[in-house]
PDB file of N, CA and C in Angstrom:
ATOM      1  N   MET A   1       2.061  -3.324 -36.590  1.00  0.00           N
ATOM      2  CA  MET A   1       1.841  -2.122 -35.825  1.00  0.00           C
ATOM      3  C   MET A   1       1.671  -0.927 -36.762  1.00  0.00           C
ATOM      4  N   LYS A   2       2.462  -0.911 -37.804  1.00  0.00           N
ATOM      5  CA  LYS A   2       2.343   0.211 -38.740  1.00  0.00           C
ATOM      6  C   LYS A   2       0.961   0.226 -39.386  1.00  0.00           C
ATOM      7  N   GLN A   3       0.449  -0.933 -39.710  1.00  0.00           N
ATOM      8  CA  GLN A   3      -0.887  -1.023 -40.303  1.00  0.00           C
ATOM      9  C   GLN A   3      -1.939  -0.476 -39.331  1.00  0.00           C
ATOM     10  N   PHE A   4      -1.757  -0.741 -38.053  1.00  0.00           N
ATOM     11  CA  PHE A   4      -2.676  -0.245 -37.034  1.00  0.00           C
ATOM     12  C   PHE A   4      -2.621   1.284 -36.935  1.00  0.00           C
ATOM     13  N   LEU A   5      -1.422   1.864 -37.074  1.00  0.00           N
ATOM     14  CA  LEU A   5      -1.237   3.303 -36.922  1.00  0.00           C
ATOM     15  C   LEU A   5      -1.456   4.093 -38.211  1.00  0.00           C
ATOM     16  N   ASP A   6      -1.458   3.416 -39.339  1.00  0.00           N
ATOM     17  CA  ASP A   6      -1.583   4.091 -40.626  1.00  0.00           C
ATOM     18  C   ASP A   6      -2.832   4.973 -40.750  1.00  0.00           C
ATOM     19  N   PRO A   7      -3.987   4.591 -40.219  1.00  0.00           N
ATOM     20  CA  PRO A   7      -5.155   5.486 -40.323  1.00  0.00           C
ATOM     21  C   PRO A   7      -4.932   6.876 -39.704  1.00  0.00           C
ATOM     22  N   VAL A   8      -4.115   6.948 -38.680  1.00  0.00           N
ATOM     23  CA  VAL A   8      -3.822   8.257 -38.077  1.00  0.00           C
ATOM     24  C   VAL A   8      -3.034   9.108 -39.066  1.00  0.00           C
ATOM     25  N   ALA A   9      -2.034   8.501 -39.698  1.00  0.00           N
ATOM     26  CA  ALA A   9      -1.231   9.226 -40.685  1.00  0.00           C
ATOM     27  C   ALA A   9      -2.096   9.661 -41.868  1.00  0.00           C
ATOM     28  N   LYS A  10      -2.975   8.794 -42.310  1.00  0.00           N
ATOM     29  CA  LYS A  10      -3.865   9.147 -43.422  1.00  0.00           C
ATOM     30  C   LYS A  10      -4.816  10.269 -43.039  1.00  0.00           C
ATOM     31  N   TRP A  11      -5.391  10.198 -41.849  1.00  0.00           N
ATOM     32  CA  TRP A  11      -6.291  11.243 -41.381  1.00  0.00           C
ATOM     33  C   TRP A  11      -5.568  12.591 -41.323  1.00  0.00           C
ATOM     34  N   ALA A  12      -4.353  12.582 -40.766  1.00  0.00           N
ATOM     35  CA  ALA A  12      -3.579  13.824 -40.656  1.00  0.00           C
ATOM     36  C   ALA A  12      -3.292  14.401 -42.043  1.00  0.00           C
ATOM     37  N   ALA A  13      -2.925  13.552 -42.982  1.00  0.00           N
ATOM     38  CA  ALA A  13      -2.644  14.022 -44.344  1.00  0.00           C
ATOM     39  C   ALA A  13      -3.908  14.599 -44.985  1.00  0.00           C
ATOM     40  N   GLU A  14      -5.020  13.909 -44.839  1.00  0.00           N
ATOM     41  CA  GLU A  14      -6.289  14.378 -45.417  1.00  0.00           C
ATOM     42  C   GLU A  14      -6.719  15.725 -44.842  1.00  0.00           C
ATOM     43  N   HIS A  15      -6.385  15.969 -43.595  1.00  0.00           N
ATOM     44  CA  HIS A  15      -6.786  17.207 -42.929  1.00  0.00           C
ATOM     45  C   HIS A  15      -5.644  18.222 -42.842  1.00  0.00           C
ATOM     46  N   GLN A  16      -4.576  17.953 -43.563  1.00  0.00           N
ATOM     47  CA  GLN A  16      -3.406  18.833 -43.641  1.00  0.00           C
ATOM     48  C   GLN A  16      -2.847  19.184 -42.257  1.00  0.00           C
ATOM     49  N   ILE A  17      -2.796  18.173 -41.421  1.00  0.00           N
ATOM     50  CA  ILE A  17      -2.198  18.310 -40.087  1.00  0.00           C
ATOM     51  C   ILE A  17      -0.724  17.933 -40.212  1.00  0.00           C
ATOM     52  N   PRO A  18       0.185  18.853 -39.925  1.00  0.00           N
ATOM     53  CA  PRO A  18       1.610  18.516 -40.008  1.00  0.00           C
ATOM     54  C   PRO A  18       1.973  17.364 -39.067  1.00  0.00           C
ATOM     55  N   ALA A  19       2.865  16.538 -39.493  1.00  0.00           N
ATOM     56  CA  ALA A  19       3.276  15.378 -38.684  1.00  0.00           C
ATOM     57  C   ALA A  19       3.767  15.794 -37.306  1.00  0.00           C
ATOM     58  N   ASN A  20       4.420  16.943 -37.218  1.00  0.00           N
ATOM     59  CA  ASN A  20       4.956  17.368 -35.923  1.00  0.00           C
ATOM     60  C   ASN A  20       3.874  17.869 -34.962  1.00  0.00           C
ATOM     61  N   ARG A  21       2.604  17.796 -35.380  1.00  0.00           N
ATOM     62  CA  ARG A  21       1.490  18.145 -34.506  1.00  0.00           C
ATOM     63  C   ARG A  21       0.815  16.895 -33.936  1.00  0.00           C
ATOM     64  N   ILE A  22       1.338  15.734 -34.288  1.00  0.00           N
ATOM     65  CA  ILE A  22       0.800  14.459 -33.803  1.00  0.00           C
ATOM     66  C   ILE A  22       1.721  13.946 -32.684  1.00  0.00           C
ATOM     67  N   ILE A  23       1.109  13.474 -31.607  1.00  0.00           N
ATOM     68  CA  ILE A  23       1.897  12.875 -30.526  1.00  0.00           C
ATOM     69  C   ILE A  23       1.318  11.507 -30.171  1.00  0.00           C
ATOM     70  N   ALA A  24       2.197  10.553 -30.127  1.00  0.00           N
ATOM     71  CA  ALA A  24       1.847   9.219 -29.635  1.00  0.00           C
ATOM     72  C   ALA A  24       2.191   9.245 -28.142  1.00  0.00           C
ATOM     73  N   ALA A  25       1.175   9.440 -27.339  1.00  0.00           N
ATOM     74  CA  ALA A  25       1.407   9.684 -25.917  1.00  0.00           C
ATOM     75  C   ALA A  25       1.041   8.490 -25.058  1.00  0.00           C
ATOM     76  N   GLU A  26       1.843   8.291 -24.055  1.00  0.00           N
ATOM     77  CA  GLU A  26       1.623   7.278 -23.034  1.00  0.00           C
ATOM     78  C   GLU A  26       1.492   5.863 -23.584  1.00  0.00           C
ATOM     79  N   PHE A  27       2.372   5.507 -24.484  1.00  0.00           N
ATOM     80  CA  PHE A  27       2.432   4.117 -24.923  1.00  0.00           C
ATOM     81  C   PHE A  27       3.417   3.385 -24.028  1.00  0.00           C
ATOM     82  N   GLY A  28       3.221   2.106 -23.886  1.00  0.00           N
ATOM     83  CA  GLY A  28       4.124   1.340 -23.048  1.00  0.00           C
ATOM     84  C   GLY A  28       3.729  -0.115 -22.990  1.00  0.00           C
ATOM     85  N   ILE A  29       4.432  -0.836 -22.151  1.00  0.00           N
ATOM     86  CA  ILE A  29       4.222  -2.274 -21.995  1.00  0.00           C
ATOM     87  C   ILE A  29       4.795  -2.694 -20.642  1.00  0.00           C
ATOM     88  N   ASN A  30       4.228  -3.716 -20.054  1.00  0.00           N
ATOM     89  CA  ASN A  30       4.783  -4.239 -18.809  1.00  0.00           C
ATOM     90  C   ASN A  30       6.214  -4.664 -19.071  1.00  0.00           C
ATOM     91  N   ARG A  31       7.127  -4.187 -18.250  1.00  0.00           N
ATOM     92  CA  ARG A  31       8.557  -4.416 -18.448  1.00  0.00           C
ATOM     93  C   ARG A  31       8.954  -5.886 -18.360  1.00  0.00           C
ATOM     94  N   MET A  32       8.100  -6.724 -17.795  1.00  0.00           N
ATOM     95  CA  MET A  32       8.443  -8.133 -17.633  1.00  0.00           C
ATOM     96  C   MET A  32       7.945  -9.006 -18.784  1.00  0.00           C
ATOM     97  N   VAL A  33       7.287  -8.392 -19.772  1.00  0.00           N
ATOM     98  CA  VAL A  33       6.804  -9.133 -20.935  1.00  0.00           C
ATOM     99  C   VAL A  33       7.982  -9.420 -21.863  1.00  0.00           C
ATOM    100  N   SER A  34       8.117 -10.647 -22.254  1.00  0.00           N
ATOM    101  CA  SER A  34       9.191 -11.030 -23.171  1.00  0.00           C
ATOM    102  C   SER A  34       9.065 -10.250 -24.480  1.00  0.00           C
ATOM    103  N   GLY A  35      10.155  -9.657 -24.927  1.00  0.00           N
ATOM    104  CA  GLY A  35      10.155  -8.896 -26.170  1.00  0.00           C
ATOM    105  C   GLY A  35       9.718  -7.453 -26.011  1.00  0.00           C
ATOM    106  N   ALA A  36       9.539  -6.992 -24.771  1.00  0.00           N
ATOM    107  CA  ALA A  36       9.080  -5.622 -24.532  1.00  0.00           C
ATOM    108  C   ALA A  36      10.039  -4.596 -25.124  1.00  0.00           C
ATOM    109  N   ASP A  37      11.329  -4.873 -25.045  1.00  0.00           N
ATOM    110  CA  ASP A  37      12.304  -3.928 -25.605  1.00  0.00           C
ATOM    111  C   ASP A  37      12.132  -3.779 -27.114  1.00  0.00           C
ATOM    112  N   GLN A  38      11.932  -4.887 -27.808  1.00  0.00           N
ATOM    113  CA  GLN A  38      11.742  -4.830 -29.259  1.00  0.00           C
ATOM    114  C   GLN A  38      10.425  -4.150 -29.619  1.00  0.00           C
ATOM    115  N   TYR A  39       9.394  -4.417 -28.832  1.00  0.00           N
ATOM    116  CA  TYR A  39       8.093  -3.782 -29.058  1.00  0.00           C
ATOM    117  C   TYR A  39       8.222  -2.261 -28.995  1.00  0.00           C
ATOM    118  N   LEU A  40       8.870  -1.757 -27.949  1.00  0.00           N
ATOM    119  CA  LEU A  40       9.036  -0.315 -27.822  1.00  0.00           C
ATOM    120  C   LEU A  40       9.919   0.239 -28.931  1.00  0.00           C
ATOM    121  N   ALA A  41      10.984  -0.476 -29.273  1.00  0.00           N
ATOM    122  CA  ALA A  41      11.861  -0.024 -30.361  1.00  0.00           C
ATOM    123  C   ALA A  41      11.096   0.050 -31.679  1.00  0.00           C
ATOM    124  N   ASP A  42      10.261  -0.942 -31.948  1.00  0.00           N
ATOM    125  CA  ASP A  42       9.473  -0.946 -33.187  1.00  0.00           C
ATOM    126  C   ASP A  42       8.479   0.211 -33.215  1.00  0.00           C
ATOM    127  N   LEU A  43       7.781   0.428 -32.110  1.00  0.00           N
ATOM    128  CA  LEU A  43       6.830   1.537 -32.051  1.00  0.00           C
ATOM    129  C   LEU A  43       7.518   2.874 -32.288  1.00  0.00           C
ATOM    130  N   ILE A  44       8.610   3.097 -31.586  1.00  0.00           N
ATOM    131  CA  ILE A  44       9.327   4.366 -31.721  1.00  0.00           C
ATOM    132  C   ILE A  44       9.830   4.546 -33.144  1.00  0.00           C
ATOM    133  N   SER A  45      10.278   3.467 -33.756  1.00  0.00           N
ATOM    134  CA  SER A  45      10.741   3.527 -35.145  1.00  0.00           C
ATOM    135  C   SER A  45       9.610   4.009 -36.067  1.00  0.00           C
ATOM    136  N   ILE A  46       8.420   3.508 -35.842  1.00  0.00           N
ATOM    137  CA  ILE A  46       7.267   3.922 -36.657  1.00  0.00           C
ATOM    138  C   ILE A  46       6.926   5.387 -36.382  1.00  0.00           C
ATOM    139  N   PHE A  47       6.897   5.775 -35.124  1.00  0.00           N
ATOM    140  CA  PHE A  47       6.595   7.166 -34.785  1.00  0.00           C
ATOM    141  C   PHE A  47       7.619   8.099 -35.436  1.00  0.00           C
ATOM    142  N   ASP A  48       8.879   7.716 -35.365  1.00  0.00           N
ATOM    143  CA  ASP A  48       9.934   8.535 -35.973  1.00  0.00           C
ATOM    144  C   ASP A  48       9.788   8.595 -37.495  1.00  0.00           C
ATOM    145  N   GLU A  49       9.447   7.469 -38.090  1.00  0.00           N
ATOM    146  CA  GLU A  49       9.248   7.435 -39.541  1.00  0.00           C
ATOM    147  C   GLU A  49       8.137   8.403 -39.965  1.00  0.00           C
ATOM    148  N   TYR A  50       7.070   8.453 -39.210  1.00  0.00           N
ATOM    149  CA  TYR A  50       5.965   9.361 -39.505  1.00  0.00           C
ATOM    150  C   TYR A  50       6.287  10.817 -39.131  1.00  0.00           C
ATOM    151  N   GLY A  51       7.318  11.013 -38.307  1.00  0.00           N
ATOM    152  CA  GLY A  51       7.657  12.361 -37.862  1.00  0.00           C
ATOM    153  C   GLY A  51       6.820  12.839 -36.688  1.00  0.00           C
ATOM    154  N   TRP A  52       6.262  11.897 -35.928  1.00  0.00           N
ATOM    155  CA  TRP A  52       5.425  12.229 -34.784  1.00  0.00           C
ATOM    156  C   TRP A  52       6.272  12.387 -33.524  1.00  0.00           C
ATOM    157  N   HIS A  53       5.758  13.169 -32.619  1.00  0.00           N
ATOM    158  CA  HIS A  53       6.334  13.224 -31.273  1.00  0.00           C
ATOM    159  C   HIS A  53       5.848  11.978 -30.513  1.00  0.00           C
ATOM    160  N   TRP A  54       6.551  11.621 -29.464  1.00  0.00           N
ATOM    161  CA  TRP A  54       6.112  10.479 -28.668  1.00  0.00           C
ATOM    162  C   TRP A  54       6.538  10.657 -27.212  1.00  0.00           C
ATOM    163  N   SER A  55       5.791  10.021 -26.332  1.00  0.00           N
ATOM    164  CA  SER A  55       6.133  10.001 -24.911  1.00  0.00           C
ATOM    165  C   SER A  55       5.692   8.664 -24.336  1.00  0.00           C
ATOM    166  N   PHE A  56       6.635   7.972 -23.734  1.00  0.00           N
ATOM    167  CA  PHE A  56       6.328   6.652 -23.182  1.00  0.00           C
ATOM    168  C   PHE A  56       5.762   6.784 -21.776  1.00  0.00           C
ATOM    169  N   TYR A  57       5.061   5.750 -21.353  1.00  0.00           N
ATOM    170  CA  TYR A  57       4.545   5.661 -19.996  1.00  0.00           C
ATOM    171  C   TYR A  57       5.288   4.508 -19.348  1.00  0.00           C
ATOM    172  N   ALA A  58       5.955   4.674 -18.338  1.00  0.00           N
ATOM    173  CA  ALA A  58       6.091   5.826 -17.471  1.00  0.00           C
ATOM    174  C   ALA A  58       7.553   5.956 -17.088  1.00  0.00           C
ATOM    175  N   PHE A  59       7.921   7.093 -16.563  1.00  0.00           N
ATOM    176  CA  PHE A  59       9.277   7.294 -16.060  1.00  0.00           C
ATOM    177  C   PHE A  59       9.234   7.249 -14.544  1.00  0.00           C
ATOM    178  N   ARG A  60       9.889   6.269 -13.990  1.00  0.00           N
ATOM    179  CA  ARG A  60       9.953   6.083 -12.534  1.00  0.00           C
ATOM    180  C   ARG A  60       8.570   6.116 -11.898  1.00  0.00           C
ATOM    181  N   GLU A  61       7.740   5.239 -12.417  1.00  0.00           N
ATOM    182  CA  GLU A  61       6.361   5.087 -11.936  1.00  0.00           C
ATOM    183  C   GLU A  61       6.357   4.935 -10.419  1.00  0.00           C
ATOM    184  N   ASP A  62       5.473   5.664  -9.771  1.00  0.00           N
ATOM    185  CA  ASP A  62       5.468   5.626  -8.311  1.00  0.00           C
ATOM    186  C   ASP A  62       4.334   4.810  -7.704  1.00  0.00           C
ATOM    187  N   THR A  63       3.479   4.224  -8.533  1.00  0.00           N
ATOM    188  CA  THR A  63       2.401   3.418  -7.968  1.00  0.00           C
ATOM    189  C   THR A  63       2.424   1.966  -8.421  1.00  0.00           C
ATOM    190  N   TRP A  64       3.167   1.688  -9.474  1.00  0.00           N
ATOM    191  CA  TRP A  64       3.247   0.320  -9.985  1.00  0.00           C
ATOM    192  C   TRP A  64       4.577   0.127 -10.695  1.00  0.00           C
ATOM    193  N   GLU A  65       5.362  -0.817 -10.248  1.00  0.00           N
ATOM    194  CA  GLU A  65       6.702  -1.003 -10.806  1.00  0.00           C
ATOM    195  C   GLU A  65       6.710  -1.745 -12.134  1.00  0.00           C
ATOM    196  N   GLY A  66       5.562  -2.184 -12.608  1.00  0.00           N
ATOM    197  CA  GLY A  66       5.493  -2.943 -13.853  1.00  0.00           C
ATOM    198  C   GLY A  66       5.907  -2.173 -15.085  1.00  0.00           C
ATOM    199  N   MET A  67       5.863  -0.841 -15.008  1.00  0.00           N
ATOM    200  CA  MET A  67       6.248  -0.038 -16.158  1.00  0.00           C
ATOM    201  C   MET A  67       7.414   0.894 -15.830  1.00  0.00           C
ATOM    202  N   ASP A  68       8.132   0.578 -14.781  1.00  0.00           N
ATOM    203  CA  ASP A  68       9.335   1.331 -14.428  1.00  0.00           C
ATOM    204  C   ASP A  68      10.502   0.660 -15.140  1.00  0.00           C
ATOM    205  N   TYR A  69      10.749   1.097 -16.370  1.00  0.00           N
ATOM    206  CA  TYR A  69      11.664   0.408 -17.278  1.00  0.00           C
ATOM    207  C   TYR A  69      13.101   0.361 -16.796  1.00  0.00           C
ATOM    208  N   GLU A  70      13.490   1.266 -15.944  1.00  0.00           N
ATOM    209  CA  GLU A  70      14.858   1.258 -15.427  1.00  0.00           C
ATOM    210  C   GLU A  70      15.126   0.045 -14.540  1.00  0.00           C
ATOM    211  N   LEU A  71      14.069  -0.599 -14.060  1.00  0.00           N
ATOM    212  CA  LEU A  71      14.240  -1.740 -13.157  1.00  0.00           C
ATOM    213  C   LEU A  71      14.667  -3.020 -13.868  1.00  0.00           C
ATOM    214  N   GLY A  72      14.610  -3.021 -15.179  1.00  0.00           N
ATOM    215  CA  GLY A  72      14.965  -4.233 -15.905  1.00  0.00           C
ATOM    216  C   GLY A  72      13.750  -5.102 -16.161  1.00  0.00           C
ATOM    217  N   THR A  73      13.994  -6.358 -16.474  1.00  0.00           N
ATOM    218  CA  THR A  73      12.905  -7.248 -16.868  1.00  0.00           C
ATOM    219  C   THR A  73      12.525  -8.266 -15.796  1.00  0.00           C
ATOM    220  N   GLY A  74      13.243  -8.255 -14.704  1.00  0.00           N
ATOM    221  CA  GLY A  74      12.943  -9.209 -13.640  1.00  0.00           C
ATOM    222  C   GLY A  74      12.326  -8.543 -12.428  1.00  0.00           C
ATOM    223  N   LYS A  75      12.273  -9.292 -11.363  1.00  0.00           N
ATOM    224  CA  LYS A  75      11.743  -8.740 -10.118  1.00  0.00           C
ATOM    225  C   LYS A  75      12.671  -7.638  -9.623  1.00  0.00           C
ATOM    226  N   PRO A  76      12.101  -6.577  -9.047  1.00  0.00           N
ATOM    227  CA  PRO A  76      12.948  -5.499  -8.531  1.00  0.00           C
ATOM    228  C   PRO A  76      13.865  -5.989  -7.410  1.00  0.00           C
ATOM    229  N   HIS A  77      15.022  -5.387  -7.324  1.00  0.00           N
ATOM    230  CA  HIS A  77      15.977  -5.660  -6.263  1.00  0.00           C
ATOM    231  C   HIS A  77      15.321  -5.321  -4.927  1.00  0.00           C
ATOM    232  N   TRP A  78      15.691  -6.030  -3.897  1.00  0.00           N
ATOM    233  CA  TRP A  78      15.084  -5.789  -2.588  1.00  0.00           C
ATOM    234  C   TRP A  78      15.283  -4.352  -2.142  1.00  0.00           C
ATOM    235  N   LYS A  79      16.355  -3.680  -2.617  1.00  0.00           N
ATOM    236  CA  LYS A  79      16.597  -2.287  -2.236  1.00  0.00           C
ATOM    237  C   LYS A  79      15.518  -1.357  -2.801  1.00  0.00           C
ATOM    238  N   TYR A  80      14.917  -1.764  -3.910  1.00  0.00           N
ATOM    239  CA  TYR A  80      13.812  -0.986  -4.470  1.00  0.00           C
ATOM    240  C   TYR A  80      12.657  -0.956  -3.467  1.00  0.00           C
ATOM    241  N   TRP A  81      12.305  -2.136  -2.971  1.00  0.00           N
ATOM    242  CA  TRP A  81      11.185  -2.236  -2.022  1.00  0.00           C
ATOM    243  C   TRP A  81      11.518  -1.541  -0.702  1.00  0.00           C
ATOM    244  N   GLU A  82      12.758  -1.645  -0.287  1.00  0.00           N
ATOM    245  CA  GLU A  82      13.186  -0.967   0.927  1.00  0.00           C
ATOM    246  C   GLU A  82      13.016   0.549   0.775  1.00  0.00           C
ATOM    247  N   ALA A  83      13.423   1.076  -0.370  1.00  0.00           N
ATOM    248  CA  ALA A  83      13.267   2.512  -0.623  1.00  0.00           C
ATOM    249  C   ALA A  83      11.791   2.903  -0.638  1.00  0.00           C
ATOM    250  N   GLN A  84      10.956   2.053  -1.255  1.00  0.00           N
ATOM    251  CA  GLN A  84       9.518   2.333  -1.286  1.00  0.00           C
ATOM    252  C   GLN A  84       8.948   2.419   0.127  1.00  0.00           C
ATOM    253  N   GLU A  85       9.324   1.479   0.961  1.00  0.00           N
ATOM    254  CA  GLU A  85       8.821   1.462   2.335  1.00  0.00           C
ATOM    255  C   GLU A  85       9.266   2.689   3.119  1.00  0.00           C
ATOM    256  N   LYS A  86      10.479   3.150   2.844  1.00  0.00           N
ATOM    257  CA  LYS A  86      11.003   4.320   3.558  1.00  0.00           C
ATOM    258  C   LYS A  86      10.535   5.631   2.940  1.00  0.00           C
ATOM    259  N   GLY A  87       9.941   5.555   1.751  1.00  0.00           N
ATOM    260  CA  GLY A  87       9.502   6.769   1.073  1.00  0.00           C
ATOM    261  C   GLY A  87      10.639   7.604   0.518  1.00  0.00           C
ATOM    262  N   VAL A  88      11.731   6.925   0.180  1.00  0.00           N
ATOM    263  CA  VAL A  88      12.890   7.625  -0.383  1.00  0.00           C
ATOM    264  C   VAL A  88      13.117   7.153  -1.817  1.00  0.00           C
ATOM    265  N   PRO A  89      13.783   7.959  -2.621  1.00  0.00           N
ATOM    266  CA  PRO A  89      14.041   7.549  -4.010  1.00  0.00           C
ATOM    267  C   PRO A  89      14.941   6.316  -4.074  1.00  0.00           C
ATOM    268  N   TYR A  90      14.636   5.448  -5.001  1.00  0.00           N
ATOM    269  CA  TYR A  90      15.477   4.280  -5.272  1.00  0.00           C
ATOM    270  C   TYR A  90      16.637   4.736  -6.143  1.00  0.00           C
ATOM    271  N   VAL A  91      17.823   4.242  -5.866  1.00  0.00           N
ATOM    272  CA  VAL A  91      18.997   4.584  -6.660  1.00  0.00           C
ATOM    273  C   VAL A  91      19.100   3.592  -7.808  1.00  0.00           C
ATOM    274  N   TYR A  92      18.831   4.079  -9.023  1.00  0.00           N
ATOM    275  CA  TYR A  92      18.877   3.243 -10.211  1.00  0.00           C
ATOM    276  C   TYR A  92      20.312   3.112 -10.700  1.00  0.00           C
ATOM    277  N   GLY A  93      20.523   2.176 -11.604  1.00  0.00           N
ATOM    278  CA  GLY A  93      21.821   2.077 -12.246  1.00  0.00           C
ATOM    279  C   GLY A  93      22.418   0.689 -12.238  1.00  0.00           C
ATOM    280  N   ASN A  94      22.032  -0.162 -11.315  1.00  0.00           N
ATOM    281  CA  ASN A  94      22.605  -1.497 -11.253  1.00  0.00           C
ATOM    282  C   ASN A  94      21.700  -2.551 -11.869  1.00  0.00           C
ATOM    283  N   ASP A  95      20.569  -2.124 -12.421  1.00  0.00           N
ATOM    284  CA  ASP A  95      19.609  -3.069 -12.967  1.00  0.00           C
ATOM    285  C   ASP A  95      19.898  -3.324 -14.447  1.00  0.00           C
ATOM    286  N   ASN A  96      19.830  -4.575 -14.875  1.00  0.00           N
ATOM    287  CA  ASN A  96      19.998  -4.920 -16.280  1.00  0.00           C
ATOM    288  C   ASN A  96      18.690  -4.603 -16.990  1.00  0.00           C
ATOM    289  N   SER A  97      18.701  -3.598 -17.856  1.00  0.00           N
ATOM    290  CA  SER A  97      17.453  -3.160 -18.447  1.00  0.00           C
ATOM    291  C   SER A  97      17.541  -2.936 -19.952  1.00  0.00           C
ATOM    292  N   PRO A  98      17.283  -3.975 -20.742  1.00  0.00           N
ATOM    293  CA  PRO A  98      17.294  -3.790 -22.192  1.00  0.00           C
ATOM    294  C   PRO A  98      16.205  -2.830 -22.664  1.00  0.00           C
ATOM    295  N   ILE A  99      15.112  -2.743 -21.927  1.00  0.00           N
ATOM    296  CA  ILE A  99      14.041  -1.815 -22.289  1.00  0.00           C
ATOM    297  C   ILE A  99      14.518  -0.381 -22.096  1.00  0.00           C
ATOM    298  N   TRP A 100      15.119  -0.101 -20.942  1.00  0.00           N
ATOM    299  CA  TRP A 100      15.615   1.248 -20.687  1.00  0.00           C
ATOM    300  C   TRP A 100      16.720   1.602 -21.671  1.00  0.00           C
ATOM    301  N   ASP A 101      17.524   0.628 -22.075  1.00  0.00           N
ATOM    302  CA  ASP A 101      18.578   0.882 -23.065  1.00  0.00           C
ATOM    303  C   ASP A 101      17.975   1.389 -24.374  1.00  0.00           C
ATOM    304  N   VAL A 102      16.845   0.791 -24.798  1.00  0.00           N
ATOM    305  CA  VAL A 102      16.154   1.235 -26.004  1.00  0.00           C
ATOM    306  C   VAL A 102      15.713   2.685 -25.842  1.00  0.00           C
ATOM    307  N   LEU A 103      15.070   2.983 -24.732  1.00  0.00           N
ATOM    308  CA  LEU A 103      14.547   4.334 -24.510  1.00  0.00           C
ATOM    309  C   LEU A 103      15.674   5.365 -24.402  1.00  0.00           C
ATOM    310  N   LYS A 104      16.749   5.026 -23.698  1.00  0.00           N
ATOM    311  CA  LYS A 104      17.878   5.944 -23.594  1.00  0.00           C
ATOM    312  C   LYS A 104      18.451   6.261 -24.968  1.00  0.00           C
ATOM    313  N   LYS A 105      18.613   5.228 -25.788  1.00  0.00           N
ATOM    314  CA  LYS A 105      19.154   5.418 -27.143  1.00  0.00           C
ATOM    315  C   LYS A 105      18.272   6.375 -27.935  1.00  0.00           C
ATOM    316  N   GLU A 106      16.976   6.159 -27.870  1.00  0.00           N
ATOM    317  CA  GLU A 106      16.050   6.989 -28.631  1.00  0.00           C
ATOM    318  C   GLU A 106      15.974   8.417 -28.085  1.00  0.00           C
ATOM    319  N   LEU A 107      16.015   8.562 -26.779  1.00  0.00           N
ATOM    320  CA  LEU A 107      15.951   9.889 -26.184  1.00  0.00           C
ATOM    321  C   LEU A 107      17.229  10.702 -26.434  1.00  0.00           C
ATOM    322  N   ASN A 108      18.326  10.008 -26.655  1.00  0.00           N
ATOM    323  CA  ASN A 108      19.603  10.689 -26.897  1.00  0.00           C
ATOM    324  C   ASN A 108      19.835  11.060 -28.355  1.00  0.00           C
ATOM    325  N   LYS A 109      18.893  10.729 -29.226  1.00  0.00           N
ATOM    326  CA  LYS A 109      19.053  11.067 -30.647  1.00  0.00           C
ATOM    327  C   LYS A 109      18.960  12.561 -30.856  1.00  0.00           C
TER     328      LYS A 109
END
């Protein structure tokens, strides 16, 4: 991944763009993909190493639950679907989510 992102760092250096002016925006992965937590942790580690800002996609996605990392890595609890049908917010917190744990750790730095 670092090899893939290195041209951006080189371009910024060549054009004297400060690292804090670069943002890795809307990166993400389907939460049900095996190893998704490690993938996000690795990406964020690289962004942090370069000194770039970053923003993941998505926080409490409202059209597709595949990237709603708080839901965990399995099928959403039936209460999630019930909330969707009623048009009310789902109450998070009981889902086992190693992906969200990665993001929380990084956001709390």
